[in-house]
């Protein structure tokens, strides 16, 4: 999820050296603007919190059902980001005036 967000931020020439900064930029640039639903922000923050807990807490045990849920959310998150990025690439590669009009 983290690297998917870095790819999103690169489309806006944004970056930060802090993990928390990446989350904040995602929220500011993509959630508050309505590009992605707030649910994805919640998933990203939860995954980050779980990672911090696993990295910095001794003998942590995360219930298997919570791990499965987080994995499913991560797969959905990355899929939605891929779709967004693919759409950006497709839109950028279409010559002007060739898009469909409704």
PDB file of N, CA and C in Angstrom:
ATOM      1  N   UNK A   1       0.833  -1.186   0.000  1.00  0.00           N
ATOM      2  CA  UNK A   1       0.000   0.000   0.000  1.00  0.00           C
ATOM      3  C   UNK A   1       0.877   1.249   0.000  1.00  0.00           C
ATOM      4  N   UNK A   2       1.932   1.205   0.791  1.00  0.00           N
ATOM      5  CA  UNK A   2       2.820   2.352   0.916  1.00  0.00           C
ATOM      6  C   UNK A   2       3.426   2.722  -0.431  1.00  0.00           C
ATOM      7  N   UNK A   3       3.923   1.729  -1.157  1.00  0.00           N
ATOM      8  CA  UNK A   3       4.550   2.007  -2.443  1.00  0.00           C
ATOM      9  C   UNK A   3       3.523   2.422  -3.492  1.00  0.00           C
ATOM     10  N   UNK A   4       2.317   1.938  -3.368  1.00  0.00           N
ATOM     11  CA  UNK A   4       1.250   2.395  -4.265  1.00  0.00           C
ATOM     12  C   UNK A   4       0.985   3.879  -4.039  1.00  0.00           C
ATOM     13  N   UNK A   5       0.995   4.299  -2.793  1.00  0.00           N
ATOM     14  CA  UNK A   5       0.796   5.717  -2.484  1.00  0.00           C
ATOM     15  C   UNK A   5       1.979   6.537  -2.995  1.00  0.00           C
ATOM     16  N   UNK A   6       3.193   6.017  -2.871  1.00  0.00           N
ATOM     17  CA  UNK A   6       4.343   6.734  -3.420  1.00  0.00           C
ATOM     18  C   UNK A   6       4.196   6.945  -4.919  1.00  0.00           C
ATOM     19  N   UNK A   7       3.665   5.955  -5.617  1.00  0.00           N
ATOM     20  CA  UNK A   7       3.429   6.096  -7.059  1.00  0.00           C
ATOM     21  C   UNK A   7       2.392   7.192  -7.329  1.00  0.00           C
ATOM     22  N   UNK A   8       1.350   7.228  -6.515  1.00  0.00           N
ATOM     23  CA  UNK A   8       0.347   8.287  -6.666  1.00  0.00           C
ATOM     24  C   UNK A   8       0.972   9.660  -6.452  1.00  0.00           C
ATOM     25  N   UNK A   9       1.758   9.789  -5.404  1.00  0.00           N
ATOM     26  CA  UNK A   9       2.378  11.073  -5.081  1.00  0.00           C
ATOM     27  C   UNK A   9       3.333  11.511  -6.183  1.00  0.00           C
ATOM     28  N   UNK A  10       3.978  10.559  -6.832  1.00  0.00           N
ATOM     29  CA  UNK A  10       4.893  10.888  -7.923  1.00  0.00           C
ATOM     30  C   UNK A  10       4.154  11.544  -9.088  1.00  0.00           C
ATOM     31  N   UNK A  11       2.884  11.211  -9.272  1.00  0.00           N
ATOM     32  CA  UNK A  11       2.112  11.828 -10.358  1.00  0.00           C
ATOM     33  C   UNK A  11       1.904  13.315 -10.113  1.00  0.00           C
ATOM     34  N   UNK A  12       2.086  13.751  -8.883  1.00  0.00           N
ATOM     35  CA  UNK A  12       1.935  15.162  -8.527  1.00  0.00           C
ATOM     36  C   UNK A  12       3.272  15.776  -8.116  1.00  0.00           C
ATOM     37  N   UNK A  13       4.361  15.067  -8.403  1.00  0.00           N
ATOM     38  CA  UNK A  13       5.704  15.490  -8.022  1.00  0.00           C
ATOM     39  C   UNK A  13       5.798  15.816  -6.527  1.00  0.00           C
ATOM     40  N   UNK A  14       5.177  14.961  -5.722  1.00  0.00           N
ATOM     41  CA  UNK A  14       5.197  15.125  -4.273  1.00  0.00           C
ATOM     42  C   UNK A  14       5.944  13.965  -3.633  1.00  0.00           C
ATOM     43  N   UNK A  15       6.577  14.247  -2.529  1.00  0.00           N
ATOM     44  CA  UNK A  15       7.266  13.212  -1.788  1.00  0.00           C
ATOM     45  C   UNK A  15       7.628  13.722  -0.409  1.00  0.00           C
ATOM     46  N   UNK A  16       8.033  12.816   0.431  1.00  0.00           N
ATOM     47  CA  UNK A  16       8.441  13.152   1.787  1.00  0.00           C
ATOM     48  C   UNK A  16       9.347  12.047   2.291  1.00  0.00           C
ATOM     49  N   UNK A  17      10.183  12.378   3.235  1.00  0.00           N
ATOM     50  CA  UNK A  17      11.094  11.374   3.785  1.00  0.00           C
ATOM     51  C   UNK A  17      10.481  10.611   4.957  1.00  0.00           C
ATOM     52  N   UNK A  18       9.302  11.000   5.384  1.00  0.00           N
ATOM     53  CA  UNK A  18       8.657  10.374   6.547  1.00  0.00           C
ATOM     54  C   UNK A  18       7.441   9.552   6.111  1.00  0.00           C
ATOM     55  N   UNK A  19       7.269   8.392   6.731  1.00  0.00           N
ATOM     56  CA  UNK A  19       6.109   7.557   6.437  1.00  0.00           C
ATOM     57  C   UNK A  19       4.810   8.300   6.753  1.00  0.00           C
ATOM     58  N   UNK A  20       4.781   8.973   7.892  1.00  0.00           N
ATOM     59  CA  UNK A  20       3.565   9.697   8.283  1.00  0.00           C
ATOM     60  C   UNK A  20       3.255  10.799   7.275  1.00  0.00           C
ATOM     61  N   UNK A  21       4.288  11.376   6.702  1.00  0.00           N
ATOM     62  CA  UNK A  21       4.094  12.397   5.677  1.00  0.00           C
ATOM     63  C   UNK A  21       3.434  11.837   4.434  1.00  0.00           C
ATOM     64  N   UNK A  22       3.776  10.609   4.082  1.00  0.00           N
ATOM     65  CA  UNK A  22       3.160   9.952   2.929  1.00  0.00           C
ATOM     66  C   UNK A  22       1.668   9.779   3.179  1.00  0.00           C
ATOM     67  N   UNK A  23       1.308   9.336   4.380  1.00  0.00           N
ATOM     68  CA  UNK A  23      -0.108   9.168   4.708  1.00  0.00           C
ATOM     69  C   UNK A  23      -0.834  10.509   4.656  1.00  0.00           C
ATOM     70  N   UNK A  24      -0.229  11.533   5.203  1.00  0.00           N
ATOM     71  CA  UNK A  24      -0.847  12.859   5.215  1.00  0.00           C
ATOM     72  C   UNK A  24      -1.039  13.406   3.808  1.00  0.00           C
ATOM     73  N   UNK A  25      -0.026  13.240   2.959  1.00  0.00           N
ATOM     74  CA  UNK A  25      -0.143  13.711   1.578  1.00  0.00           C
ATOM     75  C   UNK A  25      -1.223  12.942   0.815  1.00  0.00           C
ATOM     76  N   UNK A  26      -1.302  11.632   1.062  1.00  0.00           N
ATOM     77  CA  UNK A  26      -2.362  10.838   0.416  1.00  0.00           C
ATOM     78  C   UNK A  26      -3.725  11.389   0.812  1.00  0.00           C
ATOM     79  N   UNK A  27      -3.910  11.622   2.091  1.00  0.00           N
ATOM     80  CA  UNK A  27      -5.197  12.152   2.557  1.00  0.00           C
ATOM     81  C   UNK A  27      -5.491  13.512   1.938  1.00  0.00           C
ATOM     82  N   UNK A  28      -4.499  14.379   1.932  1.00  0.00           N
ATOM     83  CA  UNK A  28      -4.707  15.738   1.424  1.00  0.00           C
ATOM     84  C   UNK A  28      -4.951  15.768  -0.087  1.00  0.00           C
ATOM     85  N   UNK A  29      -4.153  15.030  -0.831  1.00  0.00           N
ATOM     86  CA  UNK A  29      -4.190  15.120  -2.291  1.00  0.00           C
ATOM     87  C   UNK A  29      -5.216  14.199  -2.954  1.00  0.00           C
ATOM     88  N   UNK A  30      -5.550  13.092  -2.311  1.00  0.00           N
ATOM     89  CA  UNK A  30      -6.380  12.106  -2.983  1.00  0.00           C
ATOM     90  C   UNK A  30      -7.681  11.769  -2.266  1.00  0.00           C
ATOM     91  N   UNK A  31      -7.717  11.954  -0.954  1.00  0.00           N
ATOM     92  CA  UNK A  31      -8.951  11.633  -0.221  1.00  0.00           C
ATOM     93  C   UNK A  31      -9.809  12.884  -0.071  1.00  0.00           C
ATOM     94  N   UNK A  32      -9.231  13.936   0.437  1.00  0.00           N
ATOM     95  CA  UNK A  32     -10.004  15.178   0.621  1.00  0.00           C
ATOM     96  C   UNK A  32     -10.520  15.745  -0.690  1.00  0.00           C
ATOM     97  N   UNK A  33      -9.817  15.458  -1.789  1.00  0.00           N
ATOM     98  CA  UNK A  33     -10.238  15.947  -3.101  1.00  0.00           C
ATOM     99  C   UNK A  33     -11.260  15.027  -3.766  1.00  0.00           C
ATOM    100  N   UNK A  34     -11.544  13.884  -3.134  1.00  0.00           N
ATOM    101  CA  UNK A  34     -12.567  12.983  -3.650  1.00  0.00           C
ATOM    102  C   UNK A  34     -12.084  11.975  -4.676  1.00  0.00           C
ATOM    103  N   UNK A  35     -10.784  11.913  -4.930  1.00  0.00           N
ATOM    104  CA  UNK A  35     -10.266  10.942  -5.885  1.00  0.00           C
ATOM    105  C   UNK A  35     -10.469   9.526  -5.345  1.00  0.00           C
ATOM    106  N   UNK A  36     -10.186   9.348  -4.053  1.00  0.00           N
ATOM    107  CA  UNK A  36     -10.397   8.060  -3.391  1.00  0.00           C
ATOM    108  C   UNK A  36     -11.281   8.251  -2.167  1.00  0.00           C
ATOM    109  N   UNK A  37     -12.048   7.235  -1.854  1.00  0.00           N
ATOM    110  CA  UNK A  37     -12.954   7.247  -0.712  1.00  0.00           C
ATOM    111  C   UNK A  37     -12.178   7.245   0.602  1.00  0.00           C
ATOM    112  N   UNK A  38     -12.787   7.810   1.629  1.00  0.00           N
ATOM    113  CA  UNK A  38     -12.168   7.863   2.960  1.00  0.00           C
ATOM    114  C   UNK A  38     -11.876   6.460   3.519  1.00  0.00           C
ATOM    115  N   UNK A  39     -12.598   5.491   3.042  1.00  0.00           N
ATOM    116  CA  UNK A  39     -12.367   4.115   3.488  1.00  0.00           C
ATOM    117  C   UNK A  39     -10.931   3.692   3.194  1.00  0.00           C
ATOM    118  N   UNK A  40     -10.420   4.090   2.035  1.00  0.00           N
ATOM    119  CA  UNK A  40      -9.047   3.725   1.693  1.00  0.00           C
ATOM    120  C   UNK A  40      -8.049   4.377   2.636  1.00  0.00           C
ATOM    121  N   UNK A  41      -8.334   5.588   3.059  1.00  0.00           N
ATOM    122  CA  UNK A  41      -7.483   6.252   4.042  1.00  0.00           C
ATOM    123  C   UNK A  41      -7.476   5.466   5.349  1.00  0.00           C
ATOM    124  N   UNK A  42      -8.643   5.043   5.779  1.00  0.00           N
ATOM    125  CA  UNK A  42      -8.742   4.267   7.022  1.00  0.00           C
ATOM    126  C   UNK A  42      -7.948   2.969   6.898  1.00  0.00           C
ATOM    127  N   UNK A  43      -8.062   2.290   5.766  1.00  0.00           N
ATOM    128  CA  UNK A  43      -7.316   1.054   5.550  1.00  0.00           C
ATOM    129  C   UNK A  43      -5.814   1.308   5.599  1.00  0.00           C
ATOM    130  N   UNK A  44      -5.376   2.378   4.945  1.00  0.00           N
ATOM    131  CA  UNK A  44      -3.951   2.709   4.913  1.00  0.00           C
ATOM    132  C   UNK A  44      -3.426   3.010   6.309  1.00  0.00           C
ATOM    133  N   UNK A  45      -4.170   3.796   7.062  1.00  0.00           N
ATOM    134  CA  UNK A  45      -3.745   4.141   8.419  1.00  0.00           C
ATOM    135  C   UNK A  45      -3.724   2.909   9.327  1.00  0.00           C
ATOM    136  N   UNK A  46      -4.709   2.031   9.176  1.00  0.00           N
ATOM    137  CA  UNK A  46      -4.750   0.803   9.970  1.00  0.00           C
ATOM    138  C   UNK A  46      -3.555  -0.088   9.648  1.00  0.00           C
ATOM    139  N   UNK A  47      -3.258  -0.239   8.367  1.00  0.00           N
ATOM    140  CA  UNK A  47      -2.113  -1.069   7.967  1.00  0.00           C
ATOM    141  C   UNK A  47      -0.820  -0.483   8.504  1.00  0.00           C
ATOM    142  N   UNK A  48      -0.690   0.833   8.455  1.00  0.00           N
ATOM    143  CA  UNK A  48       0.508   1.485   8.975  1.00  0.00           C
ATOM    144  C   UNK A  48       0.630   1.266  10.481  1.00  0.00           C
ATOM    145  N   UNK A  49      -0.478   1.415  11.196  1.00  0.00           N
ATOM    146  CA  UNK A  49      -0.464   1.188  12.647  1.00  0.00           C
ATOM    147  C   UNK A  49      -0.087  -0.256  12.981  1.00  0.00           C
ATOM    148  N   UNK A  50      -0.618  -1.208  12.200  1.00  0.00           N
ATOM    149  CA  UNK A  50      -0.277  -2.611  12.428  1.00  0.00           C
ATOM    150  C   UNK A  50       1.215  -2.840  12.182  1.00  0.00           C
ATOM    151  N   UNK A  51       1.739  -2.212  11.154  1.00  0.00           N
ATOM    152  CA  UNK A  51       3.165  -2.346  10.855  1.00  0.00           C
ATOM    153  C   UNK A  51       4.011  -1.785  11.989  1.00  0.00           C
ATOM    154  N   UNK A  52       3.639  -0.634  12.509  1.00  0.00           N
ATOM    155  CA  UNK A  52       4.375  -0.049  13.631  1.00  0.00           C
ATOM    156  C   UNK A  52       4.335  -0.969  14.847  1.00  0.00           C
ATOM    157  N   UNK A  53       3.170  -1.501  15.119  1.00  0.00           N
ATOM    158  CA  UNK A  53       3.024  -2.412  16.249  1.00  0.00           C
ATOM    159  C   UNK A  53       3.913  -3.636  16.069  1.00  0.00           C
ATOM    160  N   UNK A  54       3.890  -4.212  14.879  1.00  0.00           N
ATOM    161  CA  UNK A  54       4.688  -5.411  14.619  1.00  0.00           C
ATOM    162  C   UNK A  54       6.182  -5.120  14.669  1.00  0.00           C
ATOM    163  N   UNK A  55       6.568  -3.934  14.203  1.00  0.00           N
ATOM    164  CA  UNK A  55       7.990  -3.595  14.168  1.00  0.00           C
ATOM    165  C   UNK A  55       8.561  -3.206  15.532  1.00  0.00           C
ATOM    166  N   UNK A  56       7.751  -2.581  16.357  1.00  0.00           N
ATOM    167  CA  UNK A  56       8.304  -1.965  17.569  1.00  0.00           C
ATOM    168  C   UNK A  56       7.761  -2.511  18.889  1.00  0.00           C
ATOM    169  N   UNK A  57       6.943  -3.538  18.822  1.00  0.00           N
ATOM    170  CA  UNK A  57       6.423  -4.147  20.039  1.00  0.00           C
ATOM    171  C   UNK A  57       6.956  -5.573  20.124  1.00  0.00           C
ATOM    172  N   UNK A  58       7.421  -5.935  21.279  1.00  0.00           N
ATOM    173  CA  UNK A  58       7.935  -7.286  21.452  1.00  0.00           C
ATOM    174  C   UNK A  58       6.791  -8.288  21.570  1.00  0.00           C
ATOM    175  N   UNK A  59       6.998  -9.426  20.969  1.00  0.00           N
ATOM    176  CA  UNK A  59       6.076 -10.554  21.078  1.00  0.00           C
ATOM    177  C   UNK A  59       4.631 -10.192  20.765  1.00  0.00           C
ATOM    178  N   UNK A  60       4.436  -9.463  19.704  1.00  0.00           N
ATOM    179  CA  UNK A  60       3.083  -9.083  19.307  1.00  0.00           C
ATOM    180  C   UNK A  60       2.431 -10.232  18.535  1.00  0.00           C
ATOM    181  N   UNK A  61       1.170 -10.444  18.804  1.00  0.00           N
ATOM    182  CA  UNK A  61       0.398 -11.431  18.068  1.00  0.00           C
ATOM    183  C   UNK A  61      -0.825 -10.735  17.488  1.00  0.00           C
ATOM    184  N   UNK A  62      -0.957 -10.820  16.169  1.00  0.00           N
ATOM    185  CA  UNK A  62      -2.108 -10.227  15.501  1.00  0.00           C
ATOM    186  C   UNK A  62      -3.027 -11.384  15.109  1.00  0.00           C
ATOM    187  N   UNK A  63      -4.291 -11.308  15.491  1.00  0.00           N
ATOM    188  CA  UNK A  63      -5.214 -12.402  15.173  1.00  0.00           C
ATOM    189  C   UNK A  63      -5.277 -12.674  13.668  1.00  0.00           C
ATOM    190  N   UNK A  64      -5.372 -13.941  13.328  1.00  0.00           N
ATOM    191  CA  UNK A  64      -5.360 -14.366  11.931  1.00  0.00           C
ATOM    192  C   UNK A  64      -6.476 -13.699  11.118  1.00  0.00           C
ATOM    193  N   UNK A  65      -7.655 -13.551  11.708  1.00  0.00           N
ATOM    194  CA  UNK A  65      -8.755 -12.932  10.961  1.00  0.00           C
ATOM    195  C   UNK A  65      -8.455 -11.463  10.657  1.00  0.00           C
ATOM    196  N   UNK A  66      -7.734 -10.794  11.551  1.00  0.00           N
ATOM    197  CA  UNK A  66      -7.356  -9.400  11.321  1.00  0.00           C
ATOM    198  C   UNK A  66      -6.312  -9.306  10.209  1.00  0.00           C
ATOM    199  N   UNK A  67      -5.408 -10.257  10.179  1.00  0.00           N
ATOM    200  CA  UNK A  67      -4.393 -10.288   9.128  1.00  0.00           C
ATOM    201  C   UNK A  67      -5.061 -10.526   7.770  1.00  0.00           C
ATOM    202  N   UNK A  68      -5.970 -11.470   7.718  1.00  0.00           N
ATOM    203  CA  UNK A  68      -6.684 -11.755   6.458  1.00  0.00           C
ATOM    204  C   UNK A  68      -7.454 -10.528   5.969  1.00  0.00           C
ATOM    205  N   UNK A  69      -8.133  -9.862   6.896  1.00  0.00           N
ATOM    206  CA  UNK A  69      -8.902  -8.671   6.553  1.00  0.00           C
ATOM    207  C   UNK A  69      -7.983  -7.584   6.007  1.00  0.00           C
ATOM    208  N   UNK A  70      -6.853  -7.372   6.661  1.00  0.00           N
ATOM    209  CA  UNK A  70      -5.906  -6.350   6.224  1.00  0.00           C
ATOM    210  C   UNK A  70      -5.317  -6.696   4.862  1.00  0.00           C
ATOM    211  N   UNK A  71      -5.025  -7.954   4.631  1.00  0.00           N
ATOM    212  CA  UNK A  71      -4.495  -8.384   3.333  1.00  0.00           C
ATOM    213  C   UNK A  71      -5.516  -8.136   2.221  1.00  0.00           C
ATOM    214  N   UNK A  72      -6.770  -8.481   2.481  1.00  0.00           N
ATOM    215  CA  UNK A  72      -7.818  -8.252   1.485  1.00  0.00           C
ATOM    216  C   UNK A  72      -7.965  -6.753   1.198  1.00  0.00           C
ATOM    217  N   UNK A  73      -7.917  -5.938   2.236  1.00  0.00           N
ATOM    218  CA  UNK A  73      -8.002  -4.488   2.045  1.00  0.00           C
ATOM    219  C   UNK A  73      -6.808  -3.978   1.241  1.00  0.00           C
ATOM    220  N   UNK A  74      -5.628  -4.498   1.526  1.00  0.00           N
ATOM    221  CA  UNK A  74      -4.427  -4.078   0.805  1.00  0.00           C
ATOM    222  C   UNK A  74      -4.523  -4.440  -0.674  1.00  0.00           C
ATOM    223  N   UNK A  75      -5.036  -5.630  -0.964  1.00  0.00           N
ATOM    224  CA  UNK A  75      -5.191  -6.042  -2.361  1.00  0.00           C
ATOM    225  C   UNK A  75      -6.181  -5.132  -3.087  1.00  0.00           C
ATOM    226  N   UNK A  76      -7.279  -4.793  -2.435  1.00  0.00           N
ATOM    227  CA  UNK A  76      -8.263  -3.896  -3.028  1.00  0.00           C
ATOM    228  C   UNK A  76      -7.669  -2.504  -3.212  1.00  0.00           C
ATOM    229  N   UNK A  77      -6.962  -2.021  -2.208  1.00  0.00           N
ATOM    230  CA  UNK A  77      -6.332  -0.711  -2.251  1.00  0.00           C
ATOM    231  C   UNK A  77      -5.393  -0.609  -3.452  1.00  0.00           C
ATOM    232  N   UNK A  78      -4.482  -1.571  -3.570  1.00  0.00           N
ATOM    233  CA  UNK A  78      -3.502  -1.551  -4.652  1.00  0.00           C
ATOM    234  C   UNK A  78      -4.199  -1.664  -6.008  1.00  0.00           C
ATOM    235  N   UNK A  79      -5.226  -2.476  -6.098  1.00  0.00           N
ATOM    236  CA  UNK A  79      -5.979  -2.613  -7.348  1.00  0.00           C
ATOM    237  C   UNK A  79      -6.622  -1.280  -7.763  1.00  0.00           C
ATOM    238  N   UNK A  80      -7.198  -0.575  -6.803  1.00  0.00           N
ATOM    239  CA  UNK A  80      -7.823   0.713  -7.112  1.00  0.00           C
ATOM    240  C   UNK A  80      -6.781   1.750  -7.527  1.00  0.00           C
ATOM    241  N   UNK A  81      -5.637   1.731  -6.887  1.00  0.00           N
ATOM    242  CA  UNK A  81      -4.563   2.655  -7.265  1.00  0.00           C
ATOM    243  C   UNK A  81      -4.059   2.319  -8.671  1.00  0.00           C
ATOM    244  N   UNK A  82      -3.890   1.031  -8.977  1.00  0.00           N
ATOM    245  CA  UNK A  82      -3.459   0.623 -10.318  1.00  0.00           C
ATOM    246  C   UNK A  82      -4.441   1.106 -11.375  1.00  0.00           C
ATOM    247  N   UNK A  83      -5.717   0.944 -11.104  1.00  0.00           N
ATOM    248  CA  UNK A  83      -6.736   1.401 -12.048  1.00  0.00           C
ATOM    249  C   UNK A  83      -6.636   2.899 -12.267  1.00  0.00           C
ATOM    250  N   UNK A  84      -6.488   3.649 -11.196  1.00  0.00           N
ATOM    251  CA  UNK A  84      -6.350   5.108 -11.290  1.00  0.00           C
ATOM    252  C   UNK A  84      -5.124   5.471 -12.123  1.00  0.00           C
ATOM    253  N   UNK A  85      -3.984   4.844 -11.838  1.00  0.00           N
ATOM    254  CA  UNK A  85      -2.756   5.149 -12.569  1.00  0.00           C
ATOM    255  C   UNK A  85      -2.862   4.746 -14.035  1.00  0.00           C
ATOM    256  N   UNK A  86      -3.475   3.600 -14.303  1.00  0.00           N
ATOM    257  CA  UNK A  86      -3.678   3.183 -15.697  1.00  0.00           C
ATOM    258  C   UNK A  86      -4.555   4.177 -16.443  1.00  0.00           C
ATOM    259  N   UNK A  87      -5.582   4.679 -15.781  1.00  0.00           N
ATOM    260  CA  UNK A  87      -6.441   5.684 -16.405  1.00  0.00           C
ATOM    261  C   UNK A  87      -5.669   6.966 -16.689  1.00  0.00           C
ATOM    262  N   UNK A  88      -4.806   7.359 -15.777  1.00  0.00           N
ATOM    263  CA  UNK A  88      -3.962   8.542 -16.004  1.00  0.00           C
ATOM    264  C   UNK A  88      -3.075   8.342 -17.224  1.00  0.00           C
ATOM    265  N   UNK A  89      -2.469   7.171 -17.324  1.00  0.00           N
ATOM    266  CA  UNK A  89      -1.600   6.875 -18.468  1.00  0.00           C
ATOM    267  C   UNK A  89      -2.385   6.845 -19.771  1.00  0.00           C
ATOM    268  N   UNK A  90      -3.563   6.260 -19.736  1.00  0.00           N
ATOM    269  CA  UNK A  90      -4.399   6.188 -20.932  1.00  0.00           C
ATOM    270  C   UNK A  90      -4.815   7.584 -21.370  1.00  0.00           C
ATOM    271  N   UNK A  91      -5.254   8.398 -20.413  1.00  0.00           N
ATOM    272  CA  UNK A  91      -5.667   9.768 -20.735  1.00  0.00           C
ATOM    273  C   UNK A  91      -4.503  10.579 -21.273  1.00  0.00           C
ATOM    274  N   UNK A  92      -3.327  10.364 -20.731  1.00  0.00           N
ATOM    275  CA  UNK A  92      -2.150  11.126 -21.157  1.00  0.00           C
ATOM    276  C   UNK A  92      -1.682  10.711 -22.534  1.00  0.00           C
ATOM    277  N   UNK A  93      -1.944   9.455 -22.934  1.00  0.00           N
ATOM    278  CA  UNK A  93      -1.464   8.973 -24.225  1.00  0.00           C
ATOM    279  C   UNK A  93      -2.432   9.241 -25.364  1.00  0.00           C
ATOM    280  N   UNK A  94      -3.674   9.619 -25.054  1.00  0.00           N
ATOM    281  CA  UNK A  94      -4.646   9.914 -26.103  1.00  0.00           C
ATOM    282  C   UNK A  94      -4.379  11.304 -26.680  1.00  0.00           C
ATOM    283  N   UNK A  95      -4.252  11.376 -28.010  1.00  0.00           N
ATOM    284  CA  UNK A  95      -4.109  12.706 -28.617  1.00  0.00           C
ATOM    285  C   UNK A  95      -5.350  13.542 -28.372  1.00  0.00           C
ATOM    286  N   UNK A  96      -5.154  14.845 -28.261  1.00  0.00           N
ATOM    287  CA  UNK A  96      -6.296  15.732 -28.005  1.00  0.00           C
ATOM    288  C   UNK A  96      -7.317  15.592 -29.121  1.00  0.00           C
ATOM    289  N   UNK A  97      -8.576  15.643 -28.726  1.00  0.00           N
ATOM    290  CA  UNK A  97      -9.660  15.593 -29.696  1.00  0.00           C
ATOM    291  C   UNK A  97     -10.081  14.204 -30.088  1.00  0.00           C
ATOM    292  N   UNK A  98      -9.402  13.164 -29.570  1.00  0.00           N
ATOM    293  CA  UNK A  98      -9.784  11.805 -29.924  1.00  0.00           C
ATOM    294  C   UNK A  98     -10.629  11.131 -28.870  1.00  0.00           C
ATOM    295  N   UNK A  99     -10.785  11.792 -27.737  1.00  0.00           N
ATOM    296  CA  UNK A  99     -11.613  11.226 -26.659  1.00  0.00           C
ATOM    297  C   UNK A  99     -13.072  11.239 -27.054  1.00  0.00           C
ATOM    298  N   UNK A 100     -13.837  10.375 -26.458  1.00  0.00           N
ATOM    299  CA  UNK A 100     -15.261  10.332 -26.772  1.00  0.00           C
ATOM    300  C   UNK A 100     -15.991  11.442 -26.057  1.00  0.00           C
ATOM    301  N   UNK A 101     -17.006  11.936 -26.687  1.00  0.00           N
ATOM    302  CA  UNK A 101     -17.835  12.950 -26.046  1.00  0.00           C
ATOM    303  C   UNK A 101     -19.204  12.388 -25.799  1.00  0.00           C
ATOM    304  N   UNK A 102     -19.791  12.771 -24.702  1.00  0.00           N
ATOM    305  CA  UNK A 102     -21.093  12.229 -24.318  1.00  0.00           C
ATOM    306  C   UNK A 102     -22.118  13.318 -24.394  1.00  0.00           C
TER     307      UNK A 102
END
